[in-house]
């Protein structure tokens, strides 16, 4: 099976296709001045874009890992997530409190999806 990498940089590719599976890197917002809801909206829009580029869709997400620097942000993040996620095709998911690379980042999301 071939491997296709999208939007590769010096450290990573934002999306990698292998067979019928799409792996996204951890996605953070570009505008880190936004609150957690705004950052989550931006991250989810980027996930939509990358999945479409790889021939997939949020309804095909198999697994999601979400990191927040303070678990108390989970509720606000979940408000945005719940409006975005396909309720008929909920992925497996974990939400973890962790120190993120940029202290201004309030959410990072990584997903794996089928095509």
PDB file of N, CA and C in Angstrom:
ATOM      1  N   UNK A   1       0.840  -1.191   0.000  1.00  0.00           N
ATOM      2  CA  UNK A   1       0.000   0.000   0.000  1.00  0.00           C
ATOM      3  C   UNK A   1       0.875   1.241   0.000  1.00  0.00           C
ATOM      4  N   UNK A   2       0.412   2.238  -0.710  1.00  0.00           N
ATOM      5  CA  UNK A   2       1.179   3.474  -0.775  1.00  0.00           C
ATOM      6  C   UNK A   2       0.869   4.368   0.427  1.00  0.00           C
ATOM      7  N   UNK A   3       1.773   5.263   0.678  1.00  0.00           N
ATOM      8  CA  UNK A   3       1.616   6.250   1.740  1.00  0.00           C
ATOM      9  C   UNK A   3       1.649   7.621   1.076  1.00  0.00           C
ATOM     10  N   UNK A   4       0.657   8.455   1.394  1.00  0.00           N
ATOM     11  CA  UNK A   4       0.608   9.822   0.884  1.00  0.00           C
ATOM     12  C   UNK A   4       0.657  10.767   2.072  1.00  0.00           C
ATOM     13  N   UNK A   5       1.570  11.724   2.009  1.00  0.00           N
ATOM     14  CA  UNK A   5       1.729  12.697   3.092  1.00  0.00           C
ATOM     15  C   UNK A   5       1.293  14.065   2.587  1.00  0.00           C
ATOM     16  N   UNK A   6       0.513  14.769   3.400  1.00  0.00           N
ATOM     17  CA  UNK A   6       0.004  16.086   3.035  1.00  0.00           C
ATOM     18  C   UNK A   6       0.600  17.149   3.954  1.00  0.00           C
ATOM     19  N   UNK A   7       0.977  18.258   3.341  1.00  0.00           N
ATOM     20  CA  UNK A   7       1.437  19.445   4.066  1.00  0.00           C
ATOM     21  C   UNK A   7       2.553  19.103   5.055  1.00  0.00           C
ATOM     22  N   UNK A   8       3.612  18.538   4.483  1.00  0.00           N
ATOM     23  CA  UNK A   8       4.767  18.142   5.288  1.00  0.00           C
ATOM     24  C   UNK A   8       5.666  19.333   5.558  1.00  0.00           C
ATOM     25  N   UNK A   9       6.214  19.371   6.728  1.00  0.00           N
ATOM     26  CA  UNK A   9       7.165  20.403   7.124  1.00  0.00           C
ATOM     27  C   UNK A   9       8.415  19.736   7.664  1.00  0.00           C
ATOM     28  N   UNK A  10       9.260  20.492   8.335  1.00  0.00           N
ATOM     29  CA  UNK A  10      10.511  19.927   8.833  1.00  0.00           C
ATOM     30  C   UNK A  10      10.320  18.909   9.963  1.00  0.00           C
ATOM     31  N   UNK A  11       9.183  18.970  10.656  1.00  0.00           N
ATOM     32  CA  UNK A  11       8.966  18.069  11.791  1.00  0.00           C
ATOM     33  C   UNK A  11       7.893  17.004  11.553  1.00  0.00           C
ATOM     34  N   UNK A  12       6.898  17.300  10.709  1.00  0.00           N
ATOM     35  CA  UNK A  12       5.756  16.398  10.597  1.00  0.00           C
ATOM     36  C   UNK A  12       4.948  16.682   9.343  1.00  0.00           C
ATOM     37  N   UNK A  13       4.052  15.761   9.047  1.00  0.00           N
ATOM     38  CA  UNK A  13       3.039  15.967   8.015  1.00  0.00           C
ATOM     39  C   UNK A  13       1.719  16.193   8.737  1.00  0.00           C
ATOM     40  N   UNK A  14       0.918  17.134   8.263  1.00  0.00           N
ATOM     41  CA  UNK A  14      -0.367  17.386   8.922  1.00  0.00           C
ATOM     42  C   UNK A  14      -1.332  16.238   8.729  1.00  0.00           C
ATOM     43  N   UNK A  15      -1.246  15.527   7.601  1.00  0.00           N
ATOM     44  CA  UNK A  15      -2.099  14.363   7.347  1.00  0.00           C
ATOM     45  C   UNK A  15      -1.288  13.314   6.613  1.00  0.00           C
ATOM     46  N   UNK A  16      -1.545  12.053   6.945  1.00  0.00           N
ATOM     47  CA  UNK A  16      -0.897  10.931   6.284  1.00  0.00           C
ATOM     48  C   UNK A  16      -1.970   9.914   5.928  1.00  0.00           C
ATOM     49  N   UNK A  17      -1.982   9.516   4.658  1.00  0.00           N
ATOM     50  CA  UNK A  17      -2.903   8.478   4.190  1.00  0.00           C
ATOM     51  C   UNK A  17      -2.133   7.180   4.011  1.00  0.00           C
ATOM     52  N   UNK A  18      -2.696   6.104   4.523  1.00  0.00           N
ATOM     53  CA  UNK A  18      -2.146   4.769   4.308  1.00  0.00           C
ATOM     54  C   UNK A  18      -3.322   3.835   4.089  1.00  0.00           C
ATOM     55  N   UNK A  19      -3.442   3.322   2.888  1.00  0.00           N
ATOM     56  CA  UNK A  19      -4.602   2.495   2.571  1.00  0.00           C
ATOM     57  C   UNK A  19      -5.869   3.317   2.713  1.00  0.00           C
ATOM     58  N   UNK A  20      -6.802   2.806   3.465  1.00  0.00           N
ATOM     59  CA  UNK A  20      -8.078   3.491   3.679  1.00  0.00           C
ATOM     60  C   UNK A  20      -8.123   4.238   5.011  1.00  0.00           C
ATOM     61  N   UNK A  21      -6.958   4.542   5.572  1.00  0.00           N
ATOM     62  CA  UNK A  21      -6.903   5.220   6.863  1.00  0.00           C
ATOM     63  C   UNK A  21      -6.181   6.553   6.718  1.00  0.00           C
ATOM     64  N   UNK A  22      -6.696   7.559   7.415  1.00  0.00           N
ATOM     65  CA  UNK A  22      -6.116   8.901   7.422  1.00  0.00           C
ATOM     66  C   UNK A  22      -5.718   9.229   8.860  1.00  0.00           C
ATOM     67  N   UNK A  23      -4.482   9.624   9.033  1.00  0.00           N
ATOM     68  CA  UNK A  23      -3.947   9.990  10.347  1.00  0.00           C
ATOM     69  C   UNK A  23      -3.627  11.480  10.322  1.00  0.00           C
ATOM     70  N   UNK A  24      -4.196  12.230  11.238  1.00  0.00           N
ATOM     71  CA  UNK A  24      -3.873  13.651  11.344  1.00  0.00           C
ATOM     72  C   UNK A  24      -2.900  13.865  12.491  1.00  0.00           C
ATOM     73  N   UNK A  25      -2.047  14.860  12.325  1.00  0.00           N
ATOM     74  CA  UNK A  25      -1.179  15.296  13.413  1.00  0.00           C
ATOM     75  C   UNK A  25      -2.045  15.998  14.453  1.00  0.00           C
ATOM     76  N   UNK A  26      -1.487  16.257  15.606  1.00  0.00           N
ATOM     77  CA  UNK A  26      -2.188  17.078  16.588  1.00  0.00           C
ATOM     78  C   UNK A  26      -2.356  18.480  16.021  1.00  0.00           C
ATOM     79  N   UNK A  27      -3.587  18.965  15.996  1.00  0.00           N
ATOM     80  CA  UNK A  27      -3.900  20.259  15.396  1.00  0.00           C
ATOM     81  C   UNK A  27      -4.179  21.270  16.506  1.00  0.00           C
ATOM     82  N   UNK A  28      -3.526  22.417  16.422  1.00  0.00           N
ATOM     83  CA  UNK A  28      -3.780  23.524  17.346  1.00  0.00           C
ATOM     84  C   UNK A  28      -4.220  24.728  16.532  1.00  0.00           C
ATOM     85  N   UNK A  29      -4.871  25.656  17.193  1.00  0.00           N
ATOM     86  CA  UNK A  29      -5.325  26.885  16.530  1.00  0.00           C
ATOM     87  C   UNK A  29      -4.127  27.749  16.156  1.00  0.00           C
ATOM     88  N   UNK A  30      -4.291  28.537  15.114  1.00  0.00           N
ATOM     89  CA  UNK A  30      -3.267  29.509  14.735  1.00  0.00           C
ATOM     90  C   UNK A  30      -3.439  30.800  15.525  1.00  0.00           C
ATOM     91  N   UNK A  31      -4.703  31.157  15.794  1.00  0.00           N
ATOM     92  CA  UNK A  31      -4.997  32.373  16.563  1.00  0.00           C
ATOM     93  C   UNK A  31      -5.131  32.000  18.033  1.00  0.00           C
ATOM     94  N   UNK A  32      -4.029  32.078  18.754  1.00  0.00           N
ATOM     95  CA  UNK A  32      -4.015  31.662  20.157  1.00  0.00           C
ATOM     96  C   UNK A  32      -4.521  32.737  21.105  1.00  0.00           C
ATOM     97  N   UNK A  33      -5.025  33.838  20.549  1.00  0.00           N
ATOM     98  CA  UNK A  33      -5.635  34.866  21.398  1.00  0.00           C
ATOM     99  C   UNK A  33      -7.092  34.526  21.696  1.00  0.00           C
ATOM    100  N   UNK A  34      -7.650  33.569  20.976  1.00  0.00           N
ATOM    101  CA  UNK A  34      -9.044  33.156  21.180  1.00  0.00           C
ATOM    102  C   UNK A  34      -9.172  32.361  22.470  1.00  0.00           C
ATOM    103  N   UNK A  35     -10.402  32.313  23.010  1.00  0.00           N
ATOM    104  CA  UNK A  35     -10.665  31.475  24.168  1.00  0.00           C
ATOM    105  C   UNK A  35     -10.748  30.021  23.714  1.00  0.00           C
ATOM    106  N   UNK A  36     -10.980  29.097  24.639  1.00  0.00           N
ATOM    107  CA  UNK A  36     -10.966  27.676  24.295  1.00  0.00           C
ATOM    108  C   UNK A  36     -12.044  27.324  23.274  1.00  0.00           C
ATOM    109  N   UNK A  37     -13.198  27.974  23.337  1.00  0.00           N
ATOM    110  CA  UNK A  37     -14.237  27.704  22.344  1.00  0.00           C
ATOM    111  C   UNK A  37     -13.788  28.150  20.955  1.00  0.00           C
ATOM    112  N   UNK A  38     -13.229  29.339  20.866  1.00  0.00           N
ATOM    113  CA  UNK A  38     -12.755  29.848  19.586  1.00  0.00           C
ATOM    114  C   UNK A  38     -11.631  28.998  19.024  1.00  0.00           C
ATOM    115  N   UNK A  39     -10.700  28.589  19.886  1.00  0.00           N
ATOM    116  CA  UNK A  39      -9.612  27.739  19.430  1.00  0.00           C
ATOM    117  C   UNK A  39     -10.146  26.380  18.971  1.00  0.00           C
ATOM    118  N   UNK A  40     -11.107  25.821  19.705  1.00  0.00           N
ATOM    119  CA  UNK A  40     -11.682  24.526  19.322  1.00  0.00           C
ATOM    120  C   UNK A  40     -12.379  24.636  17.973  1.00  0.00           C
ATOM    121  N   UNK A  41     -13.131  25.703  17.760  1.00  0.00           N
ATOM    122  CA  UNK A  41     -13.794  25.900  16.459  1.00  0.00           C
ATOM    123  C   UNK A  41     -12.772  25.936  15.334  1.00  0.00           C
ATOM    124  N   UNK A  42     -11.679  26.656  15.557  1.00  0.00           N
ATOM    125  CA  UNK A  42     -10.634  26.766  14.537  1.00  0.00           C
ATOM    126  C   UNK A  42      -9.979  25.408  14.275  1.00  0.00           C
ATOM    127  N   UNK A  43      -9.689  24.674  15.326  1.00  0.00           N
ATOM    128  CA  UNK A  43      -9.075  23.355  15.188  1.00  0.00           C
ATOM    129  C   UNK A  43      -9.995  22.405  14.419  1.00  0.00           C
ATOM    130  N   UNK A  44     -11.276  22.407  14.754  1.00  0.00           N
ATOM    131  CA  UNK A  44     -12.219  21.507  14.083  1.00  0.00           C
ATOM    132  C   UNK A  44     -12.404  21.872  12.613  1.00  0.00           C
ATOM    133  N   UNK A  45     -12.360  23.144  12.296  1.00  0.00           N
ATOM    134  CA  UNK A  45     -12.431  23.567  10.889  1.00  0.00           C
ATOM    135  C   UNK A  45     -11.201  23.064  10.126  1.00  0.00           C
ATOM    136  N   UNK A  46     -10.048  23.106  10.761  1.00  0.00           N
ATOM    137  CA  UNK A  46      -8.828  22.605  10.133  1.00  0.00           C
ATOM    138  C   UNK A  46      -8.896  21.084   9.972  1.00  0.00           C
ATOM    139  N   UNK A  47      -9.454  20.401  10.930  1.00  0.00           N
ATOM    140  CA  UNK A  47      -9.642  18.950  10.808  1.00  0.00           C
ATOM    141  C   UNK A  47     -10.565  18.651   9.635  1.00  0.00           C
ATOM    142  N   UNK A  48     -11.658  19.387   9.510  1.00  0.00           N
ATOM    143  CA  UNK A  48     -12.555  19.219   8.357  1.00  0.00           C
ATOM    144  C   UNK A  48     -11.782  19.378   7.048  1.00  0.00           C
ATOM    145  N   UNK A  49     -10.973  20.422   6.971  1.00  0.00           N
ATOM    146  CA  UNK A  49     -10.213  20.708   5.751  1.00  0.00           C
ATOM    147  C   UNK A  49      -9.228  19.584   5.417  1.00  0.00           C
ATOM    148  N   UNK A  50      -8.485  19.136   6.415  1.00  0.00           N
ATOM    149  CA  UNK A  50      -7.494  18.093   6.184  1.00  0.00           C
ATOM    150  C   UNK A  50      -8.134  16.756   5.836  1.00  0.00           C
ATOM    151  N   UNK A  51      -9.232  16.422   6.506  1.00  0.00           N
ATOM    152  CA  UNK A  51      -9.923  15.171   6.179  1.00  0.00           C
ATOM    153  C   UNK A  51     -10.445  15.206   4.746  1.00  0.00           C
ATOM    154  N   UNK A  52     -11.020  16.330   4.345  1.00  0.00           N
ATOM    155  CA  UNK A  52     -11.530  16.453   2.970  1.00  0.00           C
ATOM    156  C   UNK A  52     -10.388  16.302   1.967  1.00  0.00           C
ATOM    157  N   UNK A  53      -9.257  16.899   2.260  1.00  0.00           N
ATOM    158  CA  UNK A  53      -8.095  16.816   1.372  1.00  0.00           C
ATOM    159  C   UNK A  53      -7.657  15.363   1.180  1.00  0.00           C
ATOM    160  N   UNK A  54      -7.839  14.552   2.219  1.00  0.00           N
ATOM    161  CA  UNK A  54      -7.440  13.150   2.166  1.00  0.00           C
ATOM    162  C   UNK A  54      -8.591  12.234   1.749  1.00  0.00           C
ATOM    163  N   UNK A  55      -9.734  12.813   1.382  1.00  0.00           N
ATOM    164  CA  UNK A  55     -10.858  12.002   0.922  1.00  0.00           C
ATOM    165  C   UNK A  55     -11.684  11.395   2.039  1.00  0.00           C
ATOM    166  N   UNK A  56     -11.710  12.063   3.181  1.00  0.00           N
ATOM    167  CA  UNK A  56     -12.482  11.565   4.315  1.00  0.00           C
ATOM    168  C   UNK A  56     -13.420  12.660   4.825  1.00  0.00           C
ATOM    169  N   UNK A  57     -14.036  12.416   5.970  1.00  0.00           N
ATOM    170  CA  UNK A  57     -15.044  13.313   6.542  1.00  0.00           C
ATOM    171  C   UNK A  57     -15.163  13.034   8.036  1.00  0.00           C
ATOM    172  N   UNK A  58     -15.653  14.000   8.777  1.00  0.00           N
ATOM    173  CA  UNK A  58     -15.774  13.816  10.230  1.00  0.00           C
ATOM    174  C   UNK A  58     -16.666  12.643  10.602  1.00  0.00           C
ATOM    175  N   UNK A  59     -17.576  12.243   9.732  1.00  0.00           N
ATOM    176  CA  UNK A  59     -18.434  11.086  10.022  1.00  0.00           C
ATOM    177  C   UNK A  59     -17.654   9.775   9.987  1.00  0.00           C
ATOM    178  N   UNK A  60     -16.407   9.838   9.505  1.00  0.00           N
ATOM    179  CA  UNK A  60     -15.582   8.638   9.393  1.00  0.00           C
ATOM    180  C   UNK A  60     -14.440   8.611  10.405  1.00  0.00           C
ATOM    181  N   UNK A  61     -14.487   9.522  11.377  1.00  0.00           N
ATOM    182  CA  UNK A  61     -13.449   9.533  12.408  1.00  0.00           C
ATOM    183  C   UNK A  61     -13.611   8.291  13.273  1.00  0.00           C
ATOM    184  N   UNK A  62     -12.516   7.593  13.449  1.00  0.00           N
ATOM    185  CA  UNK A  62     -12.502   6.380  14.267  1.00  0.00           C
ATOM    186  C   UNK A  62     -12.114   6.690  15.710  1.00  0.00           C
ATOM    187  N   UNK A  63     -11.161   7.585  15.859  1.00  0.00           N
ATOM    188  CA  UNK A  63     -10.608   7.874  17.176  1.00  0.00           C
ATOM    189  C   UNK A  63     -10.153   9.324  17.242  1.00  0.00           C
ATOM    190  N   UNK A  64     -10.360   9.940  18.396  1.00  0.00           N
ATOM    191  CA  UNK A  64      -9.901  11.312  18.630  1.00  0.00           C
ATOM    192  C   UNK A  64      -9.195  11.373  19.983  1.00  0.00           C
ATOM    193  N   UNK A  65      -8.086  12.094  19.997  1.00  0.00           N
ATOM    194  CA  UNK A  65      -7.398  12.386  21.246  1.00  0.00           C
ATOM    195  C   UNK A  65      -7.354  13.896  21.380  1.00  0.00           C
ATOM    196  N   UNK A  66      -7.798  14.379  22.522  1.00  0.00           N
ATOM    197  CA  UNK A  66      -7.884  15.819  22.781  1.00  0.00           C
ATOM    198  C   UNK A  66      -7.049  16.130  24.016  1.00  0.00           C
ATOM    199  N   UNK A  67      -6.206  17.140  23.876  1.00  0.00           N
ATOM    200  CA  UNK A  67      -5.406  17.594  25.009  1.00  0.00           C
ATOM    201  C   UNK A  67      -5.817  19.013  25.375  1.00  0.00           C
ATOM    202  N   UNK A  68      -5.957  19.270  26.659  1.00  0.00           N
ATOM    203  CA  UNK A  68      -6.206  20.608  27.190  1.00  0.00           C
ATOM    204  C   UNK A  68      -5.219  20.836  28.340  1.00  0.00           C
ATOM    205  N   UNK A  69      -4.720  22.058  28.502  1.00  0.00           N
ATOM    206  CA  UNK A  69      -3.741  22.300  29.558  1.00  0.00           C
ATOM    207  C   UNK A  69      -4.362  22.341  30.957  1.00  0.00           C
ATOM    208  N   UNK A  70      -5.671  22.478  31.016  1.00  0.00           N
ATOM    209  CA  UNK A  70      -6.399  22.507  32.287  1.00  0.00           C
ATOM    210  C   UNK A  70      -7.718  21.771  32.052  1.00  0.00           C
ATOM    211  N   UNK A  71      -7.932  20.683  32.746  1.00  0.00           N
ATOM    212  CA  UNK A  71      -9.103  19.842  32.500  1.00  0.00           C
ATOM    213  C   UNK A  71     -10.407  20.613  32.721  1.00  0.00           C
ATOM    214  N   UNK A  72     -10.338  21.728  33.442  1.00  0.00           N
ATOM    215  CA  UNK A  72     -11.550  22.546  33.633  1.00  0.00           C
ATOM    216  C   UNK A  72     -11.998  23.205  32.334  1.00  0.00           C
ATOM    217  N   UNK A  73     -11.159  23.206  31.301  1.00  0.00           N
ATOM    218  CA  UNK A  73     -11.537  23.726  29.978  1.00  0.00           C
ATOM    219  C   UNK A  73     -12.367  22.722  29.185  1.00  0.00           C
ATOM    220  N   UNK A  74     -12.433  21.502  29.672  1.00  0.00           N
ATOM    221  CA  UNK A  74     -13.114  20.420  28.955  1.00  0.00           C
ATOM    222  C   UNK A  74     -14.580  20.736  28.668  1.00  0.00           C
ATOM    223  N   UNK A  75     -15.288  21.319  29.607  1.00  0.00           N
ATOM    224  CA  UNK A  75     -16.706  21.620  29.415  1.00  0.00           C
ATOM    225  C   UNK A  75     -16.943  22.571  28.251  1.00  0.00           C
ATOM    226  N   UNK A  76     -16.196  23.650  28.202  1.00  0.00           N
ATOM    227  CA  UNK A  76     -16.348  24.623  27.113  1.00  0.00           C
ATOM    228  C   UNK A  76     -15.930  24.010  25.781  1.00  0.00           C
ATOM    229  N   UNK A  77     -14.844  23.236  25.794  1.00  0.00           N
ATOM    230  CA  UNK A  77     -14.402  22.566  24.577  1.00  0.00           C
ATOM    231  C   UNK A  77     -15.484  21.586  24.111  1.00  0.00           C
ATOM    232  N   UNK A  78     -16.070  20.847  25.048  1.00  0.00           N
ATOM    233  CA  UNK A  78     -17.112  19.868  24.704  1.00  0.00           C
ATOM    234  C   UNK A  78     -18.348  20.518  24.089  1.00  0.00           C
ATOM    235  N   UNK A  79     -18.670  21.743  24.476  1.00  0.00           N
ATOM    236  CA  UNK A  79     -19.809  22.441  23.870  1.00  0.00           C
ATOM    237  C   UNK A  79     -19.599  22.581  22.370  1.00  0.00           C
ATOM    238  N   UNK A  80     -18.398  22.958  21.977  1.00  0.00           N
ATOM    239  CA  UNK A  80     -18.086  23.127  20.557  1.00  0.00           C
ATOM    240  C   UNK A  80     -17.996  21.760  19.881  1.00  0.00           C
ATOM    241  N   UNK A  81     -17.322  20.826  20.514  1.00  0.00           N
ATOM    242  CA  UNK A  81     -17.171  19.471  19.965  1.00  0.00           C
ATOM    243  C   UNK A  81     -18.540  18.845  19.685  1.00  0.00           C
ATOM    244  N   UNK A  82     -19.447  18.945  20.636  1.00  0.00           N
ATOM    245  CA  UNK A  82     -20.770  18.316  20.513  1.00  0.00           C
ATOM    246  C   UNK A  82     -21.565  18.892  19.344  1.00  0.00           C
ATOM    247  N   UNK A  83     -21.431  20.186  19.096  1.00  0.00           N
ATOM    248  CA  UNK A  83     -22.114  20.802  17.947  1.00  0.00           C
ATOM    249  C   UNK A  83     -21.497  20.366  16.625  1.00  0.00           C
ATOM    250  N   UNK A  84     -20.215  20.025  16.636  1.00  0.00           N
ATOM    251  CA  UNK A  84     -19.484  19.696  15.417  1.00  0.00           C
ATOM    252  C   UNK A  84     -19.533  18.210  15.058  1.00  0.00           C
ATOM    253  N   UNK A  85     -19.346  17.349  16.021  1.00  0.00           N
ATOM    254  CA  UNK A  85     -19.194  15.917  15.760  1.00  0.00           C
ATOM    255  C   UNK A  85     -20.486  15.328  15.189  1.00  0.00           C
ATOM    256  N   UNK A  86     -20.350  14.306  14.345  1.00  0.00           N
ATOM    257  CA  UNK A  86     -21.510  13.622  13.773  1.00  0.00           C
ATOM    258  C   UNK A  86     -22.122  12.728  14.855  1.00  0.00           C
ATOM    259  N   UNK A  87     -23.322  13.058  15.351  1.00  0.00           N
ATOM    260  CA  UNK A  87     -23.892  12.309  16.472  1.00  0.00           C
ATOM    261  C   UNK A  87     -24.228  10.854  16.139  1.00  0.00           C
ATOM    262  N   UNK A  88     -24.349  10.531  14.869  1.00  0.00           N
ATOM    263  CA  UNK A  88     -24.649   9.152  14.471  1.00  0.00           C
ATOM    264  C   UNK A  88     -23.378   8.331  14.276  1.00  0.00           C
ATOM    265  N   UNK A  89     -22.231   8.981  14.320  1.00  0.00           N
ATOM    266  CA  UNK A  89     -20.954   8.308  14.085  1.00  0.00           C
ATOM    267  C   UNK A  89     -19.897   8.805  15.064  1.00  0.00           C
ATOM    268  N   UNK A  90     -20.181   8.652  16.341  1.00  0.00           N
ATOM    269  CA  UNK A  90     -19.255   9.142  17.364  1.00  0.00           C
ATOM    270  C   UNK A  90     -17.989   8.287  17.401  1.00  0.00           C
ATOM    271  N   UNK A  91     -16.822   8.938  17.422  1.00  0.00           N
ATOM    272  CA  UNK A  91     -15.563   8.183  17.486  1.00  0.00           C
ATOM    273  C   UNK A  91     -15.242   7.775  18.918  1.00  0.00           C
ATOM    274  N   UNK A  92     -14.299   6.857  19.058  1.00  0.00           N
ATOM    275  CA  UNK A  92     -13.685   6.658  20.361  1.00  0.00           C
ATOM    276  C   UNK A  92     -12.922   7.932  20.688  1.00  0.00           C
ATOM    277  N   UNK A  93     -12.858   8.302  21.958  1.00  0.00           N
ATOM    278  CA  UNK A  93     -12.261   9.598  22.275  1.00  0.00           C
ATOM    279  C   UNK A  93     -11.654   9.603  23.664  1.00  0.00           C
ATOM    280  N   UNK A  94     -10.558  10.327  23.798  1.00  0.00           N
ATOM    281  CA  UNK A  94      -9.951  10.586  25.095  1.00  0.00           C
ATOM    282  C   UNK A  94      -9.723  12.083  25.205  1.00  0.00           C
ATOM    283  N   UNK A  95      -9.883  12.618  26.403  1.00  0.00           N
ATOM    284  CA  UNK A  95      -9.564  14.018  26.681  1.00  0.00           C
ATOM    285  C   UNK A  95      -8.601  14.019  27.858  1.00  0.00           C
ATOM    286  N   UNK A  96      -7.430  14.584  27.629  1.00  0.00           N
ATOM    287  CA  UNK A  96      -6.333  14.473  28.575  1.00  0.00           C
ATOM    288  C   UNK A  96      -5.821  15.853  28.956  1.00  0.00           C
ATOM    289  N   UNK A  97      -5.576  16.057  30.237  1.00  0.00           N
ATOM    290  CA  UNK A  97      -4.923  17.286  30.670  1.00  0.00           C
ATOM    291  C   UNK A  97      -3.418  17.118  30.474  1.00  0.00           C
ATOM    292  N   UNK A  98      -2.825  18.060  29.741  1.00  0.00           N
ATOM    293  CA  UNK A  98      -1.387  17.989  29.475  1.00  0.00           C
ATOM    294  C   UNK A  98      -0.846  19.380  29.179  1.00  0.00           C
ATOM    295  N   UNK A  99       0.394  19.584  29.502  1.00  0.00           N
ATOM    296  CA  UNK A  99       1.072  20.827  29.154  1.00  0.00           C
ATOM    297  C   UNK A  99       1.295  20.825  27.644  1.00  0.00           C
ATOM    298  N   UNK A 100       0.798  21.844  26.946  1.00  0.00           N
ATOM    299  CA  UNK A 100       0.951  21.918  25.497  1.00  0.00           C
ATOM    300  C   UNK A 100       2.222  22.693  25.152  1.00  0.00           C
ATOM    301  N   UNK A 101       2.709  22.521  23.926  1.00  0.00           N
ATOM    302  CA  UNK A 101       3.983  23.113  23.506  1.00  0.00           C
ATOM    303  C   UNK A 101       3.986  24.632  23.628  1.00  0.00           C
ATOM    304  N   UNK A 102       2.855  25.264  23.272  1.00  0.00           N
ATOM    305  CA  UNK A 102       2.733  26.720  23.404  1.00  0.00           C
ATOM    306  C   UNK A 102       1.793  27.000  24.573  1.00  0.00           C
ATOM    307  N   UNK A 103       2.224  27.742  25.575  1.00  0.00           N
ATOM    308  CA  UNK A 103       1.377  28.001  26.742  1.00  0.00           C
ATOM    309  C   UNK A 103       0.057  28.702  26.406  1.00  0.00           C
ATOM    310  N   UNK A 104      -0.023  29.369  25.257  1.00  0.00           N
ATOM    311  CA  UNK A 104      -1.265  30.042  24.869  1.00  0.00           C
ATOM    312  C   UNK A 104      -2.261  29.091  24.201  1.00  0.00           C
ATOM    313  N   UNK A 105      -1.807  27.903  23.810  1.00  0.00           N
ATOM    314  CA  UNK A 105      -2.707  26.918  23.202  1.00  0.00           C
ATOM    315  C   UNK A 105      -3.584  26.317  24.290  1.00  0.00           C
ATOM    316  N   UNK A 106      -4.888  26.293  24.012  1.00  0.00           N
ATOM    317  CA  UNK A 106      -5.855  25.795  24.995  1.00  0.00           C
ATOM    318  C   UNK A 106      -6.447  24.457  24.608  1.00  0.00           C
ATOM    319  N   UNK A 107      -6.187  23.991  23.386  1.00  0.00           N
ATOM    320  CA  UNK A 107      -6.695  22.689  22.951  1.00  0.00           C
ATOM    321  C   UNK A 107      -5.843  22.199  21.780  1.00  0.00           C
ATOM    322  N   UNK A 108      -5.614  20.907  21.749  1.00  0.00           N
ATOM    323  CA  UNK A 108      -4.958  20.241  20.624  1.00  0.00           C
ATOM    324  C   UNK A 108      -5.738  18.970  20.368  1.00  0.00           C
ATOM    325  N   UNK A 109      -6.047  18.705  19.104  1.00  0.00           N
ATOM    326  CA  UNK A 109      -6.848  17.524  18.757  1.00  0.00           C
ATOM    327  C   UNK A 109      -6.154  16.748  17.649  1.00  0.00           C
ATOM    328  N   UNK A 110      -6.100  15.434  17.814  1.00  0.00           N
ATOM    329  CA  UNK A 110      -5.545  14.525  16.805  1.00  0.00           C
ATOM    330  C   UNK A 110      -6.599  13.459  16.520  1.00  0.00           C
ATOM    331  N   UNK A 111      -6.842  13.191  15.228  1.00  0.00           N
ATOM    332  CA  UNK A 111      -7.826  12.181  14.870  1.00  0.00           C
ATOM    333  C   UNK A 111      -7.250  11.185  13.866  1.00  0.00           C
ATOM    334  N   UNK A 112      -7.865  10.014  13.866  1.00  0.00           N
ATOM    335  CA  UNK A 112      -7.633   8.988  12.868  1.00  0.00           C
ATOM    336  C   UNK A 112      -8.990   8.680  12.263  1.00  0.00           C
ATOM    337  N   UNK A 113      -9.046   8.595  10.924  1.00  0.00           N
ATOM    338  CA  UNK A 113     -10.320   8.380  10.238  1.00  0.00           C
ATOM    339  C   UNK A 113     -10.151   7.365   9.116  1.00  0.00           C
ATOM    340  N   UNK A 114     -11.253   6.772   8.727  1.00  0.00           N
ATOM    341  CA  UNK A 114     -11.244   5.927   7.537  1.00  0.00           C
ATOM    342  C   UNK A 114     -11.620   6.808   6.345  1.00  0.00           C
ATOM    343  N   UNK A 115     -11.395   6.294   5.150  1.00  0.00           N
ATOM    344  CA  UNK A 115     -11.769   7.037   3.947  1.00  0.00           C
ATOM    345  C   UNK A 115     -13.207   6.718   3.586  1.00  0.00           C
TER     346      UNK A 115
END
